[in-house]
Amino acid sequence: MRIPANETALVVIDMQAILFEPEPPEAEEVVARINGLAARARDAGVPVVWVQHETATGDLVADTPGWQLHPGLATAPPDLFVRKTMSDAFLRTDLHALLADRGVRHVTVCGYSSEFCVDSSVRGAASRGYAVTLAADAHTSHDKPHATGLQIRLHENETLRNIGSFHVAIDAVPAAEIAFG
């Protein structure tokens, strides 16, 4: 799937160190897929936005070791960083303004946690009129009593790409099939 570079951004949700202790399913593969997406995005001049969740107390206090991005992720100087306190990366943040200033009309989304912040951010993007490509194998979640992390990821891919009520395209595509430019 080729996405026009001049109107898209890669949005990476909550890939923070503490959220990978213990590691969710396919953690290393997801990190590698995100690094690949980010490198391809930068090569095409596509903004890469790293979103980090923060809380007033606990393991996700801003600037603490657990709050930092996963150590296996490769960031670069042109990348953008957004802090959030809600599940939806667009709610009460400057993400929408950052994207609008760059003429972005489409977002490619990946990250952690499939059923919470990734889901909420995909819906938040669509509700603001962005077309969305969910990197189908570049988001993850921990196993839960009712489903494994991989089952949750599959469920989210199928659910999100079948939402039509936002009147924008939402697709789920494997990371290797996503090209910018």
N, C-alpha and C. Protein backbone atom coordinates (compact mmCIF):
# COMPACT_ATOMS: atom_id res chain seq x y z
N MET A 1 0.85 -1.17 0.00
CA MET A 1 0.00 0.00 0.00
C MET A 1 0.89 1.23 0.00
N ARG A 2 0.75 2.07 -1.02
CA ARG A 2 1.54 3.30 -1.12
C ARG A 2 0.69 4.46 -0.61
N ILE A 3 1.25 5.21 0.34
CA ILE A 3 0.57 6.33 0.96
C ILE A 3 1.29 7.61 0.54
N PRO A 4 0.59 8.62 0.01
CA PRO A 4 1.25 9.86 -0.39
C PRO A 4 2.03 10.49 0.77
N ALA A 5 3.32 10.74 0.54
CA ALA A 5 4.19 11.25 1.60
C ALA A 5 3.82 12.67 2.03
N ASN A 6 3.28 13.47 1.12
CA ASN A 6 3.05 14.87 1.45
C ASN A 6 1.82 15.10 2.31
N GLU A 7 1.05 14.07 2.60
CA GLU A 7 -0.15 14.29 3.41
C GLU A 7 -0.34 13.24 4.50
N THR A 8 0.75 12.59 4.89
CA THR A 8 0.63 11.56 5.92
C THR A 8 1.64 11.77 7.04
N ALA A 9 1.40 11.10 8.15
CA ALA A 9 2.34 11.07 9.28
C ALA A 9 2.28 9.67 9.88
N LEU A 10 3.40 9.26 10.46
CA LEU A 10 3.45 8.02 11.22
C LEU A 10 3.30 8.40 12.68
N VAL A 11 2.30 7.82 13.35
CA VAL A 11 2.04 8.11 14.76
C VAL A 11 2.27 6.83 15.56
N VAL A 12 3.26 6.88 16.44
CA VAL A 12 3.65 5.72 17.25
C VAL A 12 3.15 5.97 18.67
N ILE A 13 2.29 5.08 19.14
CA ILE A 13 1.60 5.25 20.42
C ILE A 13 2.29 4.47 21.55
N ASP A 14 2.65 5.15 22.60
CA ASP A 14 2.99 4.57 23.92
C ASP A 14 3.97 3.40 23.92
N MET A 15 4.99 3.48 23.12
CA MET A 15 6.00 2.41 23.12
C MET A 15 7.03 2.73 24.21
N GLN A 16 6.58 2.65 25.46
CA GLN A 16 7.37 3.08 26.60
C GLN A 16 7.94 1.90 27.38
N ALA A 17 9.11 2.11 27.95
CA ALA A 17 9.89 1.04 28.58
C ALA A 17 9.09 0.22 29.59
N ILE A 18 8.41 0.87 30.52
CA ILE A 18 7.73 0.13 31.58
C ILE A 18 6.60 -0.74 31.05
N LEU A 19 6.03 -0.36 29.91
CA LEU A 19 4.92 -1.13 29.34
C LEU A 19 5.40 -2.42 28.70
N PHE A 20 6.72 -2.60 28.63
CA PHE A 20 7.29 -3.82 28.07
C PHE A 20 7.95 -4.67 29.13
N GLU A 21 7.55 -4.45 30.39
CA GLU A 21 8.03 -5.25 31.51
C GLU A 21 6.83 -5.86 32.22
N PRO A 22 6.51 -7.11 32.00
CA PRO A 22 7.16 -8.05 31.08
C PRO A 22 6.77 -7.74 29.63
N GLU A 23 7.49 -8.36 28.72
CA GLU A 23 7.25 -8.11 27.30
C GLU A 23 5.92 -8.71 26.85
N PRO A 24 5.17 -7.96 26.04
CA PRO A 24 3.96 -8.51 25.43
C PRO A 24 4.36 -9.41 24.26
N PRO A 25 3.42 -10.13 23.68
CA PRO A 25 3.72 -11.01 22.53
C PRO A 25 4.38 -10.25 21.38
N GLU A 26 5.36 -10.89 20.78
CA GLU A 26 6.06 -10.36 19.61
C GLU A 26 6.68 -8.99 19.86
N ALA A 27 7.10 -8.72 21.08
CA ALA A 27 7.65 -7.40 21.42
C ALA A 27 8.82 -7.02 20.51
N GLU A 28 9.78 -7.90 20.35
CA GLU A 28 10.95 -7.59 19.52
C GLU A 28 10.55 -7.36 18.07
N GLU A 29 9.64 -8.17 17.57
CA GLU A 29 9.18 -8.03 16.18
C GLU A 29 8.44 -6.71 15.99
N VAL A 30 7.60 -6.34 16.96
CA VAL A 30 6.86 -5.09 16.86
C VAL A 30 7.82 -3.91 16.87
N VAL A 31 8.81 -3.92 17.75
CA VAL A 31 9.81 -2.86 17.79
C VAL A 31 10.53 -2.77 16.43
N ALA A 32 10.92 -3.91 15.87
CA ALA A 32 11.61 -3.92 14.58
C ALA A 32 10.71 -3.38 13.47
N ARG A 33 9.44 -3.77 13.49
CA ARG A 33 8.51 -3.28 12.46
C ARG A 33 8.32 -1.76 12.58
N ILE A 34 8.22 -1.26 13.80
CA ILE A 34 8.06 0.18 14.00
C ILE A 34 9.32 0.91 13.54
N ASN A 35 10.49 0.38 13.86
CA ASN A 35 11.73 1.00 13.39
C ASN A 35 11.78 1.04 11.87
N GLY A 36 11.33 -0.03 11.23
CA GLY A 36 11.29 -0.07 9.76
C GLY A 36 10.33 0.97 9.20
N LEU A 37 9.14 1.07 9.79
CA LEU A 37 8.17 2.09 9.36
C LEU A 37 8.74 3.49 9.53
N ALA A 38 9.36 3.74 10.68
CA ALA A 38 9.91 5.07 10.96
C ALA A 38 11.02 5.42 9.98
N ALA A 39 11.88 4.47 9.67
CA ALA A 39 12.97 4.73 8.72
C ALA A 39 12.41 5.03 7.33
N ARG A 40 11.44 4.24 6.89
CA ARG A 40 10.83 4.49 5.57
C ARG A 40 10.10 5.83 5.55
N ALA A 41 9.44 6.17 6.65
CA ALA A 41 8.74 7.45 6.73
C ALA A 41 9.74 8.60 6.61
N ARG A 42 10.80 8.56 7.41
CA ARG A 42 11.80 9.64 7.37
C ARG A 42 12.41 9.77 5.97
N ASP A 43 12.73 8.61 5.34
CA ASP A 43 13.31 8.64 3.99
C ASP A 43 12.40 9.33 2.99
N ALA A 44 11.09 9.25 3.23
CA ALA A 44 10.10 9.86 2.32
C ALA A 44 9.70 11.26 2.76
N GLY A 45 10.31 11.76 3.84
CA GLY A 45 9.95 13.08 4.34
C GLY A 45 8.66 13.12 5.12
N VAL A 46 8.22 11.96 5.60
CA VAL A 46 6.98 11.85 6.37
C VAL A 46 7.30 12.09 7.85
N PRO A 47 6.54 12.96 8.53
CA PRO A 47 6.79 13.17 9.96
C PRO A 47 6.55 11.89 10.77
N VAL A 48 7.43 11.66 11.73
CA VAL A 48 7.29 10.55 12.67
C VAL A 48 6.98 11.18 14.02
N VAL A 49 5.85 10.79 14.60
CA VAL A 49 5.41 11.35 15.87
C VAL A 49 5.40 10.26 16.94
N TRP A 50 6.15 10.46 17.99
CA TRP A 50 6.21 9.54 19.12
C TRP A 50 5.30 10.09 20.22
N VAL A 51 4.29 9.33 20.58
CA VAL A 51 3.34 9.74 21.62
C VAL A 51 3.67 8.97 22.89
N GLN A 52 3.76 9.69 24.00
CA GLN A 52 4.07 9.07 25.28
C GLN A 52 3.00 9.42 26.30
N HIS A 53 2.47 8.39 26.93
CA HIS A 53 1.46 8.57 27.98
C HIS A 53 2.18 8.96 29.27
N GLU A 54 1.56 9.86 30.02
CA GLU A 54 2.13 10.21 31.31
C GLU A 54 1.04 10.32 32.37
N THR A 55 1.43 10.02 33.59
CA THR A 55 0.53 10.08 34.73
C THR A 55 1.17 10.92 35.83
N ALA A 56 0.37 11.37 36.78
CA ALA A 56 0.88 12.19 37.89
C ALA A 56 1.66 11.35 38.89
N THR A 57 1.31 10.08 39.01
CA THR A 57 1.98 9.18 39.93
C THR A 57 2.19 7.84 39.24
N GLY A 58 3.00 6.98 39.84
CA GLY A 58 3.17 5.63 39.31
C GLY A 58 4.33 5.51 38.32
N ASP A 59 4.25 4.50 37.46
CA ASP A 59 5.35 4.15 36.57
C ASP A 59 5.48 5.04 35.34
N LEU A 60 4.47 5.85 35.04
CA LEU A 60 4.51 6.66 33.82
C LEU A 60 4.61 8.17 34.11
N VAL A 61 5.25 8.52 35.23
CA VAL A 61 5.53 9.93 35.51
C VAL A 61 6.52 10.40 34.46
N ALA A 62 6.25 11.56 33.86
CA ALA A 62 7.09 12.09 32.78
C ALA A 62 8.56 12.13 33.19
N ASP A 63 9.39 11.76 32.25
CA ASP A 63 10.85 11.83 32.36
C ASP A 63 11.47 10.81 33.32
N THR A 64 10.69 9.86 33.82
CA THR A 64 11.24 8.78 34.63
C THR A 64 11.71 7.66 33.69
N PRO A 65 12.52 6.73 34.18
CA PRO A 65 13.01 5.65 33.31
C PRO A 65 11.88 4.85 32.63
N GLY A 66 10.83 4.52 33.35
CA GLY A 66 9.74 3.75 32.76
C GLY A 66 8.96 4.50 31.70
N TRP A 67 8.94 5.81 31.80
CA TRP A 67 8.22 6.66 30.85
C TRP A 67 8.96 6.78 29.52
N GLN A 68 10.26 6.57 29.53
CA GLN A 68 11.07 6.72 28.31
C GLN A 68 10.63 5.72 27.25
N LEU A 69 10.94 6.03 26.01
CA LEU A 69 10.63 5.10 24.92
C LEU A 69 11.41 3.81 25.10
N HIS A 70 10.86 2.71 24.58
CA HIS A 70 11.51 1.41 24.60
C HIS A 70 12.94 1.59 24.07
N PRO A 71 13.94 1.02 24.73
CA PRO A 71 15.33 1.24 24.33
C PRO A 71 15.67 0.71 22.93
N GLY A 72 14.87 -0.18 22.40
CA GLY A 72 15.14 -0.71 21.07
C GLY A 72 14.65 0.17 19.94
N LEU A 73 13.93 1.23 20.26
CA LEU A 73 13.38 2.12 19.22
C LEU A 73 14.43 3.14 18.77
N ALA A 74 14.41 3.44 17.48
CA ALA A 74 15.36 4.39 16.91
C ALA A 74 14.63 5.69 16.56
N THR A 75 14.90 6.74 17.32
CA THR A 75 14.35 8.05 17.00
C THR A 75 15.41 8.85 16.25
N ALA A 76 14.99 9.97 15.66
CA ALA A 76 15.92 10.81 14.90
C ALA A 76 15.56 12.27 15.12
N PRO A 77 16.50 13.19 14.90
CA PRO A 77 16.27 14.61 15.17
C PRO A 77 15.00 15.21 14.55
N PRO A 78 14.57 14.84 13.35
CA PRO A 78 13.36 15.50 12.84
C PRO A 78 12.06 15.01 13.50
N ASP A 79 12.13 13.96 14.29
CA ASP A 79 10.92 13.38 14.88
C ASP A 79 10.25 14.35 15.83
N LEU A 80 8.94 14.17 15.97
CA LEU A 80 8.13 14.99 16.87
C LEU A 80 7.74 14.15 18.07
N PHE A 81 7.50 14.80 19.20
CA PHE A 81 7.13 14.11 20.43
C PHE A 81 5.91 14.79 21.03
N VAL A 82 4.95 13.96 21.44
CA VAL A 82 3.70 14.45 22.02
C VAL A 82 3.48 13.70 23.33
N ARG A 83 3.11 14.43 24.36
CA ARG A 83 2.75 13.83 25.65
C ARG A 83 1.24 13.82 25.76
N LYS A 84 0.71 12.74 26.33
CA LYS A 84 -0.74 12.65 26.50
C LYS A 84 -1.06 12.12 27.89
N THR A 85 -2.29 12.40 28.33
CA THR A 85 -2.75 11.90 29.63
C THR A 85 -4.04 11.10 29.47
N MET A 86 -4.53 11.02 28.25
CA MET A 86 -5.75 10.27 27.96
C MET A 86 -5.41 9.13 26.99
N SER A 87 -6.31 8.19 26.85
CA SER A 87 -6.10 7.08 25.93
C SER A 87 -5.96 7.55 24.49
N ASP A 88 -6.77 8.50 24.07
CA ASP A 88 -6.77 9.04 22.72
C ASP A 88 -5.65 10.08 22.59
N ALA A 89 -4.70 9.83 21.69
CA ALA A 89 -3.55 10.72 21.51
C ALA A 89 -3.95 12.10 20.99
N PHE A 90 -5.17 12.24 20.48
CA PHE A 90 -5.64 13.52 19.97
C PHE A 90 -6.36 14.35 21.03
N LEU A 91 -6.82 13.71 22.09
CA LEU A 91 -7.63 14.39 23.08
C LEU A 91 -6.76 15.17 24.06
N ARG A 92 -6.97 16.48 24.10
CA ARG A 92 -6.26 17.39 25.00
C ARG A 92 -4.74 17.37 24.80
N THR A 93 -4.32 17.21 23.53
CA THR A 93 -2.90 17.30 23.17
C THR A 93 -2.79 18.24 21.97
N ASP A 94 -1.57 18.50 21.56
CA ASP A 94 -1.37 19.33 20.37
C ASP A 94 -1.15 18.49 19.11
N LEU A 95 -1.44 17.20 19.16
CA LEU A 95 -1.21 16.33 18.00
C LEU A 95 -1.97 16.81 16.77
N HIS A 96 -3.24 17.09 16.91
CA HIS A 96 -4.03 17.54 15.75
C HIS A 96 -3.43 18.82 15.15
N ALA A 97 -3.05 19.76 15.97
CA ALA A 97 -2.46 21.01 15.48
C ALA A 97 -1.12 20.76 14.77
N LEU A 98 -0.29 19.88 15.34
CA LEU A 98 0.99 19.54 14.70
C LEU A 98 0.76 18.95 13.30
N LEU A 99 -0.22 18.07 13.20
CA LEU A 99 -0.50 17.42 11.92
C LEU A 99 -1.13 18.40 10.94
N ALA A 100 -2.07 19.20 11.42
CA ALA A 100 -2.74 20.16 10.55
C ALA A 100 -1.74 21.17 9.99
N ASP A 101 -0.80 21.63 10.80
CA ASP A 101 0.22 22.57 10.35
C ASP A 101 1.07 22.00 9.22
N ARG A 102 1.15 20.68 9.14
CA ARG A 102 1.95 20.02 8.12
C ARG A 102 1.10 19.52 6.95
N GLY A 103 -0.18 19.81 6.96
CA GLY A 103 -1.05 19.40 5.87
C GLY A 103 -1.39 17.92 5.87
N VAL A 104 -1.25 17.27 7.01
CA VAL A 104 -1.51 15.83 7.11
C VAL A 104 -3.00 15.57 7.05
N ARG A 105 -3.38 14.61 6.22
CA ARG A 105 -4.78 14.18 6.10
C ARG A 105 -4.93 12.68 6.33
N HIS A 106 -3.79 12.01 6.53
CA HIS A 106 -3.77 10.56 6.70
C HIS A 106 -2.74 10.21 7.77
N VAL A 107 -3.08 9.30 8.67
CA VAL A 107 -2.11 8.85 9.67
C VAL A 107 -1.95 7.34 9.58
N THR A 108 -0.71 6.92 9.75
CA THR A 108 -0.40 5.50 9.91
C THR A 108 -0.11 5.33 11.39
N VAL A 109 -0.79 4.39 12.03
CA VAL A 109 -0.73 4.24 13.49
C VAL A 109 -0.17 2.88 13.86
N CYS A 110 0.65 2.85 14.91
CA CYS A 110 1.18 1.62 15.47
C CYS A 110 1.48 1.87 16.95
N GLY A 111 1.85 0.83 17.68
CA GLY A 111 2.26 1.03 19.07
C GLY A 111 1.64 0.10 20.07
N TYR A 112 1.46 0.61 21.29
CA TYR A 112 0.96 -0.15 22.43
C TYR A 112 -0.13 0.70 23.09
N SER A 113 -1.12 0.20 23.55
CA SER A 113 -1.73 -1.09 23.68
C SER A 113 -2.90 -1.19 22.70
N SER A 114 -2.94 -2.28 21.98
CA SER A 114 -3.90 -2.46 20.89
C SER A 114 -5.32 -2.06 21.25
N GLU A 115 -5.82 -2.56 22.37
CA GLU A 115 -7.23 -2.37 22.70
C GLU A 115 -7.52 -1.10 23.48
N PHE A 116 -6.50 -0.39 23.88
CA PHE A 116 -6.71 0.84 24.64
C PHE A 116 -6.24 2.05 23.82
N CYS A 117 -5.01 2.43 23.96
CA CYS A 117 -4.54 3.68 23.37
C CYS A 117 -4.44 3.63 21.85
N VAL A 118 -4.09 2.49 21.28
CA VAL A 118 -4.07 2.39 19.82
C VAL A 118 -5.49 2.50 19.30
N ASP A 119 -6.41 1.74 19.84
CA ASP A 119 -7.81 1.79 19.43
C ASP A 119 -8.37 3.21 19.58
N SER A 120 -8.19 3.81 20.74
CA SER A 120 -8.72 5.15 21.00
C SER A 120 -8.12 6.19 20.05
N SER A 121 -6.84 6.06 19.76
CA SER A 121 -6.18 7.03 18.89
C SER A 121 -6.60 6.86 17.43
N VAL A 122 -6.81 5.63 16.99
CA VAL A 122 -7.34 5.41 15.64
C VAL A 122 -8.72 6.04 15.52
N ARG A 123 -9.56 5.79 16.50
CA ARG A 123 -10.91 6.39 16.48
C ARG A 123 -10.84 7.91 16.60
N GLY A 124 -9.92 8.42 17.43
CA GLY A 124 -9.74 9.85 17.56
C GLY A 124 -9.30 10.50 16.26
N ALA A 125 -8.41 9.84 15.55
CA ALA A 125 -7.96 10.34 14.25
C ALA A 125 -9.12 10.36 13.26
N ALA A 126 -9.83 9.26 13.18
CA ALA A 126 -10.95 9.17 12.24
C ALA A 126 -12.04 10.19 12.57
N SER A 127 -12.29 10.42 13.84
CA SER A 127 -13.33 11.38 14.23
C SER A 127 -12.94 12.81 13.85
N ARG A 128 -11.65 13.04 13.62
CA ARG A 128 -11.18 14.36 13.21
C ARG A 128 -10.97 14.44 11.69
N GLY A 129 -11.40 13.39 10.98
CA GLY A 129 -11.36 13.41 9.52
C GLY A 129 -10.12 12.83 8.88
N TYR A 130 -9.22 12.26 9.66
CA TYR A 130 -8.03 11.64 9.09
C TYR A 130 -8.36 10.25 8.57
N ALA A 131 -7.90 9.93 7.38
CA ALA A 131 -7.88 8.53 6.94
C ALA A 131 -6.81 7.84 7.77
N VAL A 132 -7.00 6.56 8.06
CA VAL A 132 -6.08 5.86 8.96
C VAL A 132 -5.64 4.54 8.34
N THR A 133 -4.34 4.29 8.41
CA THR A 133 -3.81 2.96 8.14
C THR A 133 -3.23 2.45 9.45
N LEU A 134 -3.79 1.38 9.96
CA LEU A 134 -3.27 0.74 11.15
C LEU A 134 -2.23 -0.28 10.70
N ALA A 135 -1.00 -0.15 11.19
CA ALA A 135 0.03 -1.13 10.86
C ALA A 135 -0.34 -2.42 11.60
N ALA A 136 -0.94 -3.34 10.88
CA ALA A 136 -1.66 -4.48 11.46
C ALA A 136 -0.81 -5.38 12.35
N ASP A 137 0.49 -5.43 12.12
CA ASP A 137 1.37 -6.28 12.92
C ASP A 137 2.41 -5.46 13.70
N ALA A 138 2.16 -4.15 13.82
CA ALA A 138 3.08 -3.27 14.54
C ALA A 138 2.40 -2.60 15.72
N HIS A 139 1.41 -3.30 16.29
CA HIS A 139 0.84 -2.89 17.57
C HIS A 139 0.68 -4.15 18.40
N THR A 140 0.67 -3.99 19.71
CA THR A 140 0.68 -5.15 20.58
C THR A 140 -0.04 -4.87 21.89
N SER A 141 -0.30 -5.92 22.62
CA SER A 141 -0.91 -5.83 23.94
C SER A 141 -0.50 -7.06 24.74
N HIS A 142 -0.58 -6.94 26.03
CA HIS A 142 -0.33 -8.11 26.88
C HIS A 142 -1.51 -9.07 26.83
N ASP A 143 -1.23 -10.33 27.13
CA ASP A 143 -2.30 -11.32 27.26
C ASP A 143 -3.23 -10.91 28.39
N LYS A 144 -4.52 -11.18 28.20
CA LYS A 144 -5.54 -10.90 29.21
C LYS A 144 -6.24 -12.22 29.55
N PRO A 145 -7.04 -12.26 30.61
CA PRO A 145 -7.73 -13.50 30.95
C PRO A 145 -8.64 -14.01 29.82
N HIS A 146 -9.20 -13.09 29.04
CA HIS A 146 -10.18 -13.48 28.02
C HIS A 146 -9.57 -13.70 26.64
N ALA A 147 -8.33 -13.23 26.40
CA ALA A 147 -7.73 -13.35 25.07
C ALA A 147 -6.23 -13.10 25.14
N THR A 148 -5.49 -13.71 24.23
CA THR A 148 -4.06 -13.45 24.15
C THR A 148 -3.83 -12.08 23.50
N GLY A 149 -2.64 -11.55 23.66
CA GLY A 149 -2.29 -10.30 23.02
C GLY A 149 -2.43 -10.37 21.51
N LEU A 150 -2.07 -11.51 20.94
CA LEU A 150 -2.19 -11.67 19.48
C LEU A 150 -3.66 -11.73 19.04
N GLN A 151 -4.52 -12.37 19.85
CA GLN A 151 -5.95 -12.37 19.54
C GLN A 151 -6.53 -10.95 19.64
N ILE A 152 -6.08 -10.21 20.63
CA ILE A 152 -6.55 -8.83 20.79
C ILE A 152 -6.14 -8.00 19.58
N ARG A 153 -4.90 -8.17 19.12
CA ARG A 153 -4.43 -7.43 17.94
C ARG A 153 -5.28 -7.78 16.72
N LEU A 154 -5.54 -9.04 16.50
CA LEU A 154 -6.37 -9.45 15.38
C LEU A 154 -7.78 -8.86 15.49
N HIS A 155 -8.35 -8.91 16.69
CA HIS A 155 -9.67 -8.34 16.93
C HIS A 155 -9.69 -6.84 16.59
N GLU A 156 -8.69 -6.11 17.05
CA GLU A 156 -8.63 -4.68 16.77
C GLU A 156 -8.48 -4.40 15.28
N ASN A 157 -7.64 -5.17 14.59
CA ASN A 157 -7.48 -4.99 13.14
C ASN A 157 -8.82 -5.15 12.43
N GLU A 158 -9.55 -6.19 12.78
CA GLU A 158 -10.84 -6.46 12.12
C GLU A 158 -11.89 -5.43 12.52
N THR A 159 -11.94 -5.08 13.79
CA THR A 159 -12.95 -4.13 14.26
C THR A 159 -12.73 -2.76 13.65
N LEU A 160 -11.51 -2.25 13.75
CA LEU A 160 -11.26 -0.88 13.31
C LEU A 160 -11.43 -0.71 11.81
N ARG A 161 -10.99 -1.70 11.03
CA ARG A 161 -11.13 -1.52 9.58
C ARG A 161 -12.55 -1.70 9.08
N ASN A 162 -13.42 -2.12 9.94
CA ASN A 162 -14.82 -2.29 9.56
C ASN A 162 -15.72 -1.18 10.10
N ILE A 163 -15.13 -0.14 10.64
CA ILE A 163 -15.91 1.01 11.11
C ILE A 163 -16.11 1.96 9.93
N GLY A 164 -17.34 2.22 9.59
CA GLY A 164 -17.64 3.14 8.50
C GLY A 164 -18.27 4.43 8.95
N SER A 165 -18.65 4.52 10.22
CA SER A 165 -19.43 5.67 10.69
C SER A 165 -18.64 6.97 10.73
N PHE A 166 -17.30 6.92 10.64
CA PHE A 166 -16.51 8.14 10.63
C PHE A 166 -16.42 8.74 9.23
N HIS A 167 -16.82 7.97 8.22
CA HIS A 167 -16.82 8.40 6.81
C HIS A 167 -15.42 8.72 6.29
N VAL A 168 -14.43 8.05 6.83
CA VAL A 168 -13.07 8.08 6.30
C VAL A 168 -12.59 6.63 6.25
N ALA A 169 -11.60 6.39 5.42
CA ALA A 169 -11.06 5.03 5.32
C ALA A 169 -10.23 4.69 6.55
N ILE A 170 -10.47 3.52 7.09
CA ILE A 170 -9.61 2.94 8.12
C ILE A 170 -9.22 1.57 7.59
N ASP A 171 -7.93 1.33 7.46
CA ASP A 171 -7.46 0.06 6.94
C ASP A 171 -6.45 -0.53 7.91
N ALA A 172 -6.24 -1.82 7.82
CA ALA A 172 -5.22 -2.51 8.62
C ALA A 172 -4.35 -3.28 7.63
N VAL A 173 -3.08 -2.92 7.58
CA VAL A 173 -2.15 -3.45 6.58
C VAL A 173 -0.86 -3.86 7.28
N PRO A 174 -0.29 -5.02 6.95
CA PRO A 174 0.99 -5.39 7.56
C PRO A 174 2.06 -4.32 7.32
N ALA A 175 2.89 -4.10 8.30
CA ALA A 175 3.90 -3.03 8.23
C ALA A 175 4.77 -3.13 6.98
N ALA A 176 5.18 -4.33 6.60
CA ALA A 176 6.04 -4.49 5.43
C ALA A 176 5.39 -4.03 4.13
N GLU A 177 4.07 -3.97 4.11
CA GLU A 177 3.35 -3.56 2.89
C GLU A 177 3.06 -2.06 2.84
N ILE A 178 3.47 -1.33 3.87
CA ILE A 178 3.22 0.11 3.92
C ILE A 178 4.43 0.84 3.35
N ALA A 179 4.17 1.62 2.29
CA ALA A 179 5.22 2.43 1.67
C ALA A 179 4.75 3.88 1.65
N PHE A 180 5.68 4.78 1.88
CA PHE A 180 5.37 6.22 1.87
C PHE A 180 5.97 6.84 0.62
N GLY A 181 5.20 7.63 -0.09
CA GLY A 181 5.73 8.33 -1.26
C GLY A 181 4.93 8.05 -2.51
